[in-house]
Each structure stands twice: as C-alpha cells, then as structure tokens.
N, C-alpha and C. Protein backbone atom coordinates (compact mmCIF):
# COMPACT_ATOMS: atom_id res chain seq x y z
N UNK A 1 84.97 112.95 126.05
CA UNK A 1 85.29 111.98 125.02
C UNK A 1 86.77 112.09 124.67
N UNK A 2 87.42 110.98 124.57
CA UNK A 2 88.83 110.92 124.22
C UNK A 2 88.98 111.23 122.73
N UNK A 3 89.81 112.24 122.40
CA UNK A 3 89.92 112.66 121.01
C UNK A 3 90.56 111.61 120.12
N UNK A 4 91.29 110.68 120.68
CA UNK A 4 91.93 109.65 119.86
C UNK A 4 90.94 108.58 119.41
N UNK A 5 89.75 108.54 120.02
CA UNK A 5 88.77 107.50 119.70
C UNK A 5 87.72 107.95 118.68
N UNK A 6 87.87 109.14 118.11
CA UNK A 6 86.90 109.62 117.14
C UNK A 6 87.48 109.54 115.73
N UNK A 7 86.61 109.67 114.74
CA UNK A 7 87.02 109.60 113.34
C UNK A 7 87.39 111.00 112.85
N UNK A 8 88.67 111.32 112.86
CA UNK A 8 89.15 112.63 112.40
C UNK A 8 89.18 112.66 110.89
N UNK A 9 88.77 113.80 110.32
CA UNK A 9 88.78 113.99 108.87
C UNK A 9 89.50 115.28 108.53
N UNK A 10 90.20 115.28 107.41
CA UNK A 10 90.77 116.53 106.90
C UNK A 10 90.45 116.64 105.43
N UNK A 11 90.57 117.82 104.92
CA UNK A 11 90.22 118.10 103.55
C UNK A 11 91.02 117.24 102.58
N UNK A 12 90.38 116.84 101.51
CA UNK A 12 91.10 116.12 100.46
C UNK A 12 92.10 117.02 99.76
N UNK A 13 91.98 118.33 99.97
CA UNK A 13 92.94 119.29 99.40
C UNK A 13 94.18 119.47 100.26
N UNK A 14 94.21 118.83 101.40
CA UNK A 14 95.36 118.94 102.29
C UNK A 14 96.51 118.11 101.71
N UNK A 15 97.57 118.79 101.31
CA UNK A 15 98.70 118.12 100.67
C UNK A 15 99.83 117.85 101.66
N UNK A 16 99.64 118.22 102.92
CA UNK A 16 100.69 118.02 103.91
C UNK A 16 100.04 117.61 105.23
N UNK A 17 100.83 117.53 106.26
CA UNK A 17 100.28 117.25 107.58
C UNK A 17 99.99 118.52 108.35
N UNK A 18 100.00 119.65 107.69
CA UNK A 18 99.73 120.94 108.33
C UNK A 18 98.30 121.37 108.02
N UNK A 19 97.35 120.60 108.52
CA UNK A 19 95.94 120.84 108.20
C UNK A 19 95.08 120.86 109.45
N UNK A 20 93.90 121.36 109.29
CA UNK A 20 92.90 121.31 110.35
C UNK A 20 92.11 120.03 110.15
N UNK A 21 91.86 119.32 111.25
CA UNK A 21 91.05 118.11 111.20
C UNK A 21 89.77 118.34 112.00
N UNK A 22 88.68 117.74 111.56
CA UNK A 22 87.40 117.87 112.26
C UNK A 22 86.84 116.48 112.54
N UNK A 23 86.05 116.40 113.60
CA UNK A 23 85.39 115.15 113.96
C UNK A 23 84.01 115.47 114.49
N UNK A 24 83.02 114.78 113.98
CA UNK A 24 81.65 114.92 114.48
C UNK A 24 81.52 114.01 115.69
N UNK A 25 81.06 114.57 116.80
CA UNK A 25 80.90 113.82 118.04
C UNK A 25 79.54 114.13 118.64
N UNK A 26 79.13 113.33 119.61
CA UNK A 26 77.89 113.62 120.31
C UNK A 26 77.98 115.02 120.89
N UNK A 27 77.02 115.84 120.59
CA UNK A 27 77.00 117.19 121.14
C UNK A 27 77.71 118.22 120.29
N UNK A 28 78.22 117.85 119.10
CA UNK A 28 78.82 118.87 118.26
C UNK A 28 79.98 118.41 117.41
N UNK A 29 80.98 119.28 117.30
CA UNK A 29 82.13 119.06 116.42
C UNK A 29 83.40 119.41 117.19
N UNK A 30 84.44 118.60 116.99
CA UNK A 30 85.75 118.91 117.55
C UNK A 30 86.68 119.27 116.39
N UNK A 31 87.61 120.18 116.65
CA UNK A 31 88.58 120.63 115.66
C UNK A 31 89.97 120.57 116.28
N UNK A 32 90.94 120.08 115.52
CA UNK A 32 92.32 120.03 116.02
C UNK A 32 93.30 120.35 114.90
N UNK A 33 94.52 120.62 115.30
CA UNK A 33 95.63 120.89 114.39
C UNK A 33 96.33 119.56 114.12
N UNK A 34 96.41 119.14 112.87
CA UNK A 34 97.01 117.84 112.56
C UNK A 34 98.49 117.78 112.90
N UNK A 35 99.15 118.93 113.00
CA UNK A 35 100.56 118.95 113.38
C UNK A 35 100.75 118.66 114.86
N UNK A 36 99.70 118.82 115.64
CA UNK A 36 99.79 118.67 117.08
C UNK A 36 98.56 117.90 117.61
N UNK A 37 98.41 116.64 117.21
CA UNK A 37 97.19 115.90 117.56
C UNK A 37 97.03 115.59 119.05
N UNK A 38 98.11 115.71 119.83
CA UNK A 38 98.01 115.44 121.26
C UNK A 38 97.48 116.63 122.05
N UNK A 39 97.45 117.80 121.44
CA UNK A 39 96.88 118.98 122.10
C UNK A 39 95.36 118.83 122.14
N UNK A 40 94.76 119.32 123.20
CA UNK A 40 93.30 119.21 123.34
C UNK A 40 92.60 119.90 122.18
N UNK A 41 91.62 119.23 121.57
CA UNK A 41 90.89 119.85 120.46
C UNK A 41 89.91 120.90 120.97
N UNK A 42 89.52 121.79 120.08
CA UNK A 42 88.46 122.76 120.39
C UNK A 42 87.14 122.05 120.14
N UNK A 43 86.13 122.40 120.95
CA UNK A 43 84.81 121.80 120.80
C UNK A 43 83.79 122.88 120.50
N UNK A 44 82.88 122.57 119.59
CA UNK A 44 81.84 123.51 119.18
C UNK A 44 80.49 122.83 119.22
N UNK A 45 79.47 123.57 119.65
CA UNK A 45 78.11 123.05 119.61
C UNK A 45 77.65 123.02 118.16
N UNK A 46 76.58 122.29 117.86
CA UNK A 46 76.07 122.29 116.49
C UNK A 46 75.72 123.70 116.00
N UNK A 47 75.19 124.53 116.88
CA UNK A 47 74.83 125.90 116.49
C UNK A 47 76.07 126.73 116.18
N UNK A 48 77.10 126.59 116.99
CA UNK A 48 78.35 127.32 116.74
C UNK A 48 78.98 126.88 115.42
N UNK A 49 78.99 125.58 115.17
CA UNK A 49 79.59 125.05 113.94
C UNK A 49 78.81 125.52 112.72
N UNK A 50 77.48 125.49 112.81
CA UNK A 50 76.65 125.95 111.69
C UNK A 50 76.89 127.42 111.39
N UNK A 51 77.03 128.23 112.43
CA UNK A 51 77.31 129.66 112.24
C UNK A 51 78.67 129.86 111.58
N UNK A 52 79.66 129.08 111.99
CA UNK A 52 81.00 129.18 111.39
C UNK A 52 80.96 128.80 109.91
N UNK A 53 80.34 127.68 109.60
CA UNK A 53 80.26 127.22 108.20
C UNK A 53 79.51 128.24 107.35
N UNK A 54 78.43 128.78 107.89
CA UNK A 54 77.69 129.81 107.15
C UNK A 54 78.57 131.02 106.87
N UNK A 55 79.36 131.43 107.85
CA UNK A 55 80.27 132.57 107.68
C UNK A 55 81.33 132.29 106.62
N UNK A 56 81.86 131.06 106.61
CA UNK A 56 82.84 130.67 105.59
C UNK A 56 82.20 130.76 104.21
N UNK A 57 81.00 130.21 104.08
CA UNK A 57 80.32 130.22 102.78
C UNK A 57 79.97 131.63 102.31
N UNK A 58 79.82 132.55 103.23
CA UNK A 58 79.52 133.95 102.87
C UNK A 58 80.79 134.77 102.64
N UNK A 59 81.96 134.15 102.83
CA UNK A 59 83.22 134.85 102.61
C UNK A 59 83.63 135.76 103.76
N UNK A 60 83.06 135.56 104.94
CA UNK A 60 83.37 136.43 106.08
C UNK A 60 84.81 136.31 106.57
N UNK A 61 85.50 135.24 106.19
CA UNK A 61 86.87 135.03 106.67
C UNK A 61 87.90 135.20 105.56
N UNK A 62 87.47 135.72 104.43
CA UNK A 62 88.40 135.93 103.30
C UNK A 62 89.28 137.13 103.57
N UNK A 63 90.51 137.03 103.11
CA UNK A 63 91.46 138.13 103.28
C UNK A 63 91.50 138.97 102.02
C-alpha cells in the first residue's frame, strides 16, 4: 500500500511538525516520522500494535 494514499493522524498535542504519525491500514498500523514523510513507514500487525499500546498505558516506556 502506498503510504501517501492513507489517512495519517498525529496527536492533537503535537505543536510542531516533529511528530509521529499513525495510519490504520488493512492488516495493521503504519507509523512514520512527520519530519520525513517520504521515508518508508514502519508496519505493525494488530497484535504488535495492541502490545505496544498496552505497554505505553502501563508506563513501560517512561523514563
């Protein structure tokens, strides 16, 4: 799937163009850097994305 043809979203808290964007696509989720939209996005299965979101909600990525 061409990444330019999907609906990219970024957080409403993003105050600049230096944000992560996500797009829901058939077969999972794509993630890209808004500063470099021409670079190939990372792709995650629904299971991988759910595990990541669960980890974020549990604070596993807090510094």
